[in-house]
Amino acid sequence: MSAGVPARNNLERHERRGVTLERITLGWNVVGVVVLAVLALAARSVALAGFGLDSLIEIGASVVVLWELRDARRDRERRALILIAAAFASVSLYLAVQSTWVLVAGFQPRHSPGGIGWTAATALVMFALAREKGRTGRAASREVLIREGRVTFVDGVLALAVLLGLCLNTVAGWWWADPASTYVIVGYAVRECADISRSLAQRG
């Protein structure tokens, strides 16, 4: 047996682990979209609704990475990235307008114990997945997995931002903290849209 066979088998093992991590991320976000929609409607929370929209985009990002890990065609990857960038732009515009309207109108969301529980759990899960994606990506020499791991880490940060807004509303009665925390998601969406656009422009 040549020396390259064990190394190749080890590389394939890390790539399979990368696929598994992406599937876990995808599954969590699919469930999260449903959970967040229910919680957002019950609490009339802009922050929870915004985080749910972000989860939809993260689902698309995970699908793109799964395609890349399976050596997807370049033209299909480009179309997917364009769609994701458009989705980020749409979400940032919608949330910016909606959050500003809620703040100006003084529309106060209800308390959401369920939202607090879900965003806290999401933050823990995303940070754990981000760490493992980074390790696996480096072991497999797959830059796409390392980069997507950073996106997963930011998703955990967004969950913490929404969690903070929900807690301040519940504990201190700062109702404005809920819509204000949505601006964190807006900033992230704008940045991601710009990064994807620059990446596509460099590829030509």
C-alpha atoms as a PDB file:
ATOM      1  CA  MET A   1       0.000   0.000   0.000  1.00  0.00           C
ATOM      2  CA  SER A   2       1.451   3.359  -0.997  1.00  0.00           C
ATOM      3  CA  ALA A   3       2.062   6.068   1.581  1.00  0.00           C
ATOM      4  CA  GLY A   4      -0.500   8.267  -0.144  1.00  0.00           C
ATOM      5  CA  VAL A   5      -3.437   5.946   0.518  1.00  0.00           C
ATOM      6  CA  PRO A   6      -3.686   6.534   4.307  1.00  0.00           C
ATOM      7  CA  ALA A   7      -3.351  10.280   3.765  1.00  0.00           C
ATOM      8  CA  ARG A   8      -6.094  10.226   1.123  1.00  0.00           C
ATOM      9  CA  ASN A   9      -8.357   8.145   3.367  1.00  0.00           C
ATOM     10  CA  ASN A  10      -7.757  10.581   6.231  1.00  0.00           C
ATOM     11  CA  LEU A  11      -8.605  13.518   3.962  1.00  0.00           C
ATOM     12  CA  GLU A  12     -11.831  11.835   2.846  1.00  0.00           C
ATOM     13  CA  ARG A  13     -12.733  11.190   6.485  1.00  0.00           C
ATOM     14  CA  HIS A  14     -12.361  14.884   7.320  1.00  0.00           C
ATOM     15  CA  GLU A  15     -14.420  15.847   4.261  1.00  0.00           C
ATOM     16  CA  ARG A  16     -17.204  13.472   5.333  1.00  0.00           C
ATOM     17  CA  ARG A  17     -17.109  15.083   8.765  1.00  0.00           C
ATOM     18  CA  GLY A  18     -17.411  18.472   7.091  1.00  0.00           C
ATOM     19  CA  VAL A  19     -20.519  17.298   5.233  1.00  0.00           C
ATOM     20  CA  THR A  20     -21.989  16.022   8.511  1.00  0.00           C
ATOM     21  CA  LEU A  21     -21.360  19.355  10.239  1.00  0.00           C
ATOM     22  CA  GLU A  22     -23.068  21.215   7.390  1.00  0.00           C
ATOM     23  CA  ARG A  23     -26.056  18.874   7.554  1.00  0.00           C
ATOM     24  CA  ILE A  24     -26.389  19.513  11.274  1.00  0.00           C
ATOM     25  CA  THR A  25     -26.253  23.270  10.635  1.00  0.00           C
ATOM     26  CA  LEU A  26     -28.825  22.925   7.880  1.00  0.00           C
ATOM     27  CA  GLY A  27     -31.164  20.840  10.026  1.00  0.00           C
ATOM     28  CA  TRP A  28     -30.947  23.223  12.987  1.00  0.00           C
ATOM     29  CA  ASN A  29     -31.743  26.230  10.809  1.00  0.00           C
ATOM     30  CA  VAL A  30     -34.661  24.476   9.092  1.00  0.00           C
ATOM     31  CA  VAL A  31     -36.214  23.753  12.484  1.00  0.00           C
ATOM     32  CA  GLY A  32     -35.259  27.257  13.611  1.00  0.00           C
ATOM     33  CA  VAL A  33     -37.175  28.955  10.818  1.00  0.00           C
ATOM     34  CA  VAL A  34     -40.399  27.299  11.976  1.00  0.00           C
ATOM     35  CA  VAL A  35     -39.739  27.879  15.685  1.00  0.00           C
ATOM     36  CA  LEU A  36     -38.786  31.520  15.181  1.00  0.00           C
ATOM     37  CA  ALA A  37     -41.823  32.204  12.986  1.00  0.00           C
ATOM     38  CA  VAL A  38     -44.144  30.921  15.719  1.00  0.00           C
ATOM     39  CA  LEU A  39     -42.313  32.778  18.493  1.00  0.00           C
ATOM     40  CA  ALA A  40     -42.068  36.019  16.506  1.00  0.00           C
ATOM     41  CA  LEU A  41     -45.805  36.061  15.803  1.00  0.00           C
ATOM     42  CA  ALA A  42     -46.664  35.266  19.411  1.00  0.00           C
ATOM     43  CA  ALA A  43     -44.384  37.973  20.828  1.00  0.00           C
ATOM     44  CA  ARG A  44     -44.753  40.447  17.921  1.00  0.00           C
ATOM     45  CA  SER A  45     -40.955  40.564  17.913  1.00  0.00           C
ATOM     46  CA  VAL A  46     -39.102  42.152  14.993  1.00  0.00           C
ATOM     47  CA  ALA A  47     -35.802  40.746  16.285  1.00  0.00           C
ATOM     48  CA  LEU A  48     -37.051  37.154  16.282  1.00  0.00           C
ATOM     49  CA  ALA A  49     -38.573  37.608  12.828  1.00  0.00           C
ATOM     50  CA  GLY A  50     -35.289  39.046  11.558  1.00  0.00           C
ATOM     51  CA  PHE A  51     -33.302  36.194  13.026  1.00  0.00           C
ATOM     52  CA  GLY A  52     -35.701  33.782  11.325  1.00  0.00           C
ATOM     53  CA  LEU A  53     -35.063  35.472   7.969  1.00  0.00           C
ATOM     54  CA  ASP A  54     -31.328  35.240   8.597  1.00  0.00           C
ATOM     55  CA  SER A  55     -31.758  31.512   9.261  1.00  0.00           C
ATOM     56  CA  LEU A  56     -33.368  31.148   5.831  1.00  0.00           C
ATOM     57  CA  ILE A  57     -30.285  32.679   4.236  1.00  0.00           C
ATOM     58  CA  GLU A  58     -28.002  30.462   6.324  1.00  0.00           C
ATOM     59  CA  ILE A  59     -29.893  27.462   4.946  1.00  0.00           C
ATOM     60  CA  GLY A  60     -28.979  28.601   1.442  1.00  0.00           C
ATOM     61  CA  ALA A  61     -25.350  29.115   2.485  1.00  0.00           C
ATOM     62  CA  SER A  62     -25.152  25.583   3.904  1.00  0.00           C
ATOM     63  CA  VAL A  63     -26.544  24.147   0.680  1.00  0.00           C
ATOM     64  CA  VAL A  64     -23.903  26.034  -1.317  1.00  0.00           C
ATOM     65  CA  VAL A  65     -21.126  24.646   0.893  1.00  0.00           C
ATOM     66  CA  LEU A  66     -22.477  21.112   0.560  1.00  0.00           C
ATOM     67  CA  TRP A  67     -22.359  21.554  -3.221  1.00  0.00           C
ATOM     68  CA  GLU A  68     -18.767  22.785  -3.039  1.00  0.00           C
ATOM     69  CA  LEU A  69     -17.692  19.901  -0.802  1.00  0.00           C
ATOM     70  CA  ARG A  70     -19.087  17.584  -3.443  1.00  0.00           C
ATOM     71  CA  ASP A  71     -17.247  19.406  -6.246  1.00  0.00           C
ATOM     72  CA  ALA A  72     -20.291  21.186  -7.590  1.00  0.00           C
ATOM     73  CA  ARG A  73     -20.090  22.946 -10.939  1.00  0.00           C
ATOM     74  CA  ARG A  74     -18.679  26.494 -10.853  1.00  0.00           C
ATOM     75  CA  ASP A  75     -21.579  28.016 -12.799  1.00  0.00           C
ATOM     76  CA  ARG A  76     -24.130  26.598 -10.343  1.00  0.00           C
ATOM     77  CA  GLU A  77     -22.094  27.940  -7.408  1.00  0.00           C
ATOM     78  CA  ARG A  78     -22.032  31.410  -8.991  1.00  0.00           C
ATOM     79  CA  ARG A  79     -25.810  31.454  -9.467  1.00  0.00           C
ATOM     80  CA  ALA A  80     -26.312  30.332  -5.878  1.00  0.00           C
ATOM     81  CA  LEU A  81     -24.012  33.057  -4.543  1.00  0.00           C
ATOM     82  CA  ILE A  82     -25.866  35.689  -6.566  1.00  0.00           C
ATOM     83  CA  LEU A  83     -29.167  34.508  -5.075  1.00  0.00           C
ATOM     84  CA  ILE A  84     -27.723  34.574  -1.553  1.00  0.00           C
ATOM     85  CA  ALA A  85     -26.371  38.113  -2.070  1.00  0.00           C
ATOM     86  CA  ALA A  86     -29.788  39.244  -3.338  1.00  0.00           C
ATOM     87  CA  ALA A  87     -31.442  37.632  -0.322  1.00  0.00           C
ATOM     88  CA  PHE A  88     -29.079  39.423   2.072  1.00  0.00           C
ATOM     89  CA  ALA A  89     -29.795  42.753   0.346  1.00  0.00           C
ATOM     90  CA  SER A  90     -33.567  42.211   0.558  1.00  0.00           C
ATOM     91  CA  VAL A  91     -33.464  41.178   4.211  1.00  0.00           C
ATOM     92  CA  SER A  92     -31.278  44.139   5.229  1.00  0.00           C
ATOM     93  CA  LEU A  93     -33.625  46.600   3.494  1.00  0.00           C
ATOM     94  CA  TYR A  94     -36.766  45.041   4.961  1.00  0.00           C
ATOM     95  CA  LEU A  95     -35.404  44.851   8.513  1.00  0.00           C
ATOM     96  CA  ALA A  96     -33.988  48.380   8.422  1.00  0.00           C
ATOM     97  CA  VAL A  97     -37.374  49.812   7.403  1.00  0.00           C
ATOM     98  CA  GLN A  98     -39.382  47.567   9.747  1.00  0.00           C
ATOM     99  CA  SER A  99     -37.183  48.183  12.812  1.00  0.00           C
ATOM    100  CA  THR A 100     -37.171  51.945  12.252  1.00  0.00           C
ATOM    101  CA  TRP A 101     -40.960  51.987  11.898  1.00  0.00           C
ATOM    102  CA  VAL A 102     -41.399  49.963  15.104  1.00  0.00           C
ATOM    103  CA  LEU A 103     -39.083  52.290  17.047  1.00  0.00           C
ATOM    104  CA  VAL A 104     -40.761  55.449  15.742  1.00  0.00           C
ATOM    105  CA  ALA A 105     -44.269  54.096  16.325  1.00  0.00           C
ATOM    106  CA  GLY A 106     -43.383  52.844  19.809  1.00  0.00           C
ATOM    107  CA  PHE A 107     -44.776  49.388  19.041  1.00  0.00           C
ATOM    108  CA  GLN A 108     -43.935  47.287  22.102  1.00  0.00           C
ATOM    109  CA  PRO A 109     -43.287  43.537  21.694  1.00  0.00           C
ATOM    110  CA  ARG A 110     -44.445  41.018  24.289  1.00  0.00           C
ATOM    111  CA  HIS A 111     -42.069  39.055  26.478  1.00  0.00           C
ATOM    112  CA  SER A 112     -40.826  35.820  24.910  1.00  0.00           C
ATOM    113  CA  PRO A 113     -39.429  33.154  27.270  1.00  0.00           C
ATOM    114  CA  GLY A 114     -39.444  30.734  24.338  1.00  0.00           C
ATOM    115  CA  GLY A 115     -37.441  33.170  22.240  1.00  0.00           C
ATOM    116  CA  ILE A 116     -34.903  33.573  25.036  1.00  0.00           C
ATOM    117  CA  GLY A 117     -34.529  29.805  25.324  1.00  0.00           C
ATOM    118  CA  TRP A 118     -34.197  29.210  21.578  1.00  0.00           C
ATOM    119  CA  THR A 119     -31.696  32.003  20.896  1.00  0.00           C
ATOM    120  CA  ALA A 120     -29.563  30.913  23.881  1.00  0.00           C
ATOM    121  CA  ALA A 121     -29.531  27.317  22.612  1.00  0.00           C
ATOM    122  CA  THR A 122     -28.806  28.484  19.057  1.00  0.00           C
ATOM    123  CA  ALA A 123     -25.813  30.531  20.218  1.00  0.00           C
ATOM    124  CA  LEU A 124     -24.297  27.514  21.998  1.00  0.00           C
ATOM    125  CA  VAL A 125     -24.899  25.176  19.042  1.00  0.00           C
ATOM    126  CA  MET A 126     -23.532  27.636  16.455  1.00  0.00           C
ATOM    127  CA  PHE A 127     -20.359  28.335  18.445  1.00  0.00           C
ATOM    128  CA  ALA A 128     -19.727  24.599  18.832  1.00  0.00           C
ATOM    129  CA  LEU A 129     -20.330  23.962  15.116  1.00  0.00           C
ATOM    130  CA  ALA A 130     -18.107  26.895  14.130  1.00  0.00           C
ATOM    131  CA  ARG A 131     -15.233  25.523  16.202  1.00  0.00           C
ATOM    132  CA  GLU A 132     -15.551  22.061  14.673  1.00  0.00           C
ATOM    133  CA  LYS A 133     -15.856  23.424  11.124  1.00  0.00           C
ATOM    134  CA  GLY A 134     -12.647  25.382  11.600  1.00  0.00           C
ATOM    135  CA  ARG A 135     -10.780  22.332  12.855  1.00  0.00           C
ATOM    136  CA  THR A 136     -12.157  20.065  10.152  1.00  0.00           C
ATOM    137  CA  GLY A 137     -11.571  22.599   7.387  1.00  0.00           C
ATOM    138  CA  ARG A 138      -7.942  23.013   8.362  1.00  0.00           C
ATOM    139  CA  ALA A 139      -7.436  19.247   8.612  1.00  0.00           C
ATOM    140  CA  ALA A 140      -9.039  18.727   5.188  1.00  0.00           C
ATOM    141  CA  SER A 141      -7.444  21.843   3.643  1.00  0.00           C
ATOM    142  CA  ARG A 142     -10.889  23.055   2.545  1.00  0.00           C
ATOM    143  CA  GLU A 143     -11.015  26.853   2.680  1.00  0.00           C
ATOM    144  CA  VAL A 144     -14.744  26.893   1.970  1.00  0.00           C
ATOM    145  CA  LEU A 145     -15.465  24.991   5.178  1.00  0.00           C
ATOM    146  CA  ILE A 146     -13.200  27.284   7.204  1.00  0.00           C
ATOM    147  CA  ARG A 147     -14.919  30.367   5.748  1.00  0.00           C
ATOM    148  CA  GLU A 148     -18.413  28.985   6.322  1.00  0.00           C
ATOM    149  CA  GLY A 149     -17.379  28.183   9.878  1.00  0.00           C
ATOM    150  CA  ARG A 150     -16.802  31.896  10.369  1.00  0.00           C
ATOM    151  CA  VAL A 151     -20.317  32.574   9.077  1.00  0.00           C
ATOM    152  CA  THR A 152     -21.636  30.046  11.596  1.00  0.00           C
ATOM    153  CA  PHE A 153     -19.713  31.853  14.346  1.00  0.00           C
ATOM    154  CA  VAL A 154     -21.303  35.162  13.337  1.00  0.00           C
ATOM    155  CA  ASP A 155     -24.701  33.429  13.407  1.00  0.00           C
ATOM    156  CA  GLY A 156     -23.989  32.623  17.053  1.00  0.00           C
ATOM    157  CA  VAL A 157     -23.103  36.269  17.688  1.00  0.00           C
ATOM    158  CA  LEU A 158     -26.378  37.358  16.074  1.00  0.00           C
ATOM    159  CA  ALA A 159     -28.252  34.943  18.335  1.00  0.00           C
ATOM    160  CA  LEU A 160     -26.588  36.580  21.342  1.00  0.00           C
ATOM    161  CA  ALA A 161     -27.569  40.044  20.093  1.00  0.00           C
ATOM    162  CA  VAL A 162     -31.213  39.009  19.754  1.00  0.00           C
ATOM    163  CA  LEU A 163     -31.026  37.241  23.132  1.00  0.00           C
ATOM    164  CA  LEU A 164     -29.762  40.447  24.753  1.00  0.00           C
ATOM    165  CA  GLY A 165     -32.639  42.450  23.281  1.00  0.00           C
ATOM    166  CA  LEU A 166     -35.211  39.913  24.476  1.00  0.00           C
ATOM    167  CA  CYS A 167     -33.703  39.804  27.973  1.00  0.00           C
ATOM    168  CA  LEU A 168     -33.595  43.587  28.304  1.00  0.00           C
ATOM    169  CA  ASN A 169     -37.244  43.755  27.274  1.00  0.00           C
ATOM    170  CA  THR A 170     -38.210  41.096  29.807  1.00  0.00           C
ATOM    171  CA  VAL A 171     -36.042  42.124  32.762  1.00  0.00           C
ATOM    172  CA  ALA A 172     -35.770  45.897  32.422  1.00  0.00           C
ATOM    173  CA  GLY A 173     -38.852  46.647  30.322  1.00  0.00           C
ATOM    174  CA  TRP A 174     -36.689  48.178  27.579  1.00  0.00           C
ATOM    175  CA  TRP A 175     -39.072  47.340  24.726  1.00  0.00           C
ATOM    176  CA  TRP A 176     -36.922  49.279  22.231  1.00  0.00           C
ATOM    177  CA  ALA A 177     -34.034  46.826  22.773  1.00  0.00           C
ATOM    178  CA  ASP A 178     -35.915  44.216  20.712  1.00  0.00           C
ATOM    179  CA  PRO A 179     -36.137  46.192  17.441  1.00  0.00           C
ATOM    180  CA  ALA A 180     -32.793  47.907  18.121  1.00  0.00           C
ATOM    181  CA  SER A 181     -31.004  44.538  18.265  1.00  0.00           C
ATOM    182  CA  THR A 182     -32.273  43.868  14.742  1.00  0.00           C
ATOM    183  CA  TYR A 183     -29.832  46.488  13.419  1.00  0.00           C
ATOM    184  CA  VAL A 184     -27.029  44.033  14.226  1.00  0.00           C
ATOM    185  CA  ILE A 185     -28.583  41.631  11.726  1.00  0.00           C
ATOM    186  CA  VAL A 186     -28.951  44.473   9.215  1.00  0.00           C
ATOM    187  CA  GLY A 187     -25.263  45.326   9.507  1.00  0.00           C
ATOM    188  CA  TYR A 188     -24.276  41.693   9.097  1.00  0.00           C
ATOM    189  CA  ALA A 189     -26.529  41.237   6.050  1.00  0.00           C
ATOM    190  CA  VAL A 190     -25.099  44.339   4.358  1.00  0.00           C
ATOM    191  CA  ARG A 191     -21.536  43.182   5.015  1.00  0.00           C
ATOM    192  CA  GLU A 192     -22.191  39.682   3.666  1.00  0.00           C
ATOM    193  CA  CYS A 193     -23.852  41.082   0.555  1.00  0.00           C
ATOM    194  CA  ALA A 194     -20.850  43.328  -0.075  1.00  0.00           C
ATOM    195  CA  ASP A 195     -18.356  40.503   0.512  1.00  0.00           C
ATOM    196  CA  ILE A 196     -20.143  38.168  -1.914  1.00  0.00           C
ATOM    197  CA  SER A 197     -20.372  40.919  -4.525  1.00  0.00           C
ATOM    198  CA  ARG A 198     -16.636  41.618  -4.250  1.00  0.00           C
ATOM    199  CA  SER A 199     -15.852  37.921  -4.476  1.00  0.00           C
ATOM    200  CA  LEU A 200     -17.973  37.512  -7.605  1.00  0.00           C
ATOM    201  CA  ALA A 201     -16.403  40.601  -9.181  1.00  0.00           C
ATOM    202  CA  GLN A 202     -12.900  39.228  -8.585  1.00  0.00           C
ATOM    203  CA  ARG A 203     -13.828  35.931 -10.203  1.00  0.00           C
ATOM    204  CA  GLY A 204     -15.104  37.740 -13.268  1.00  0.00           C
END
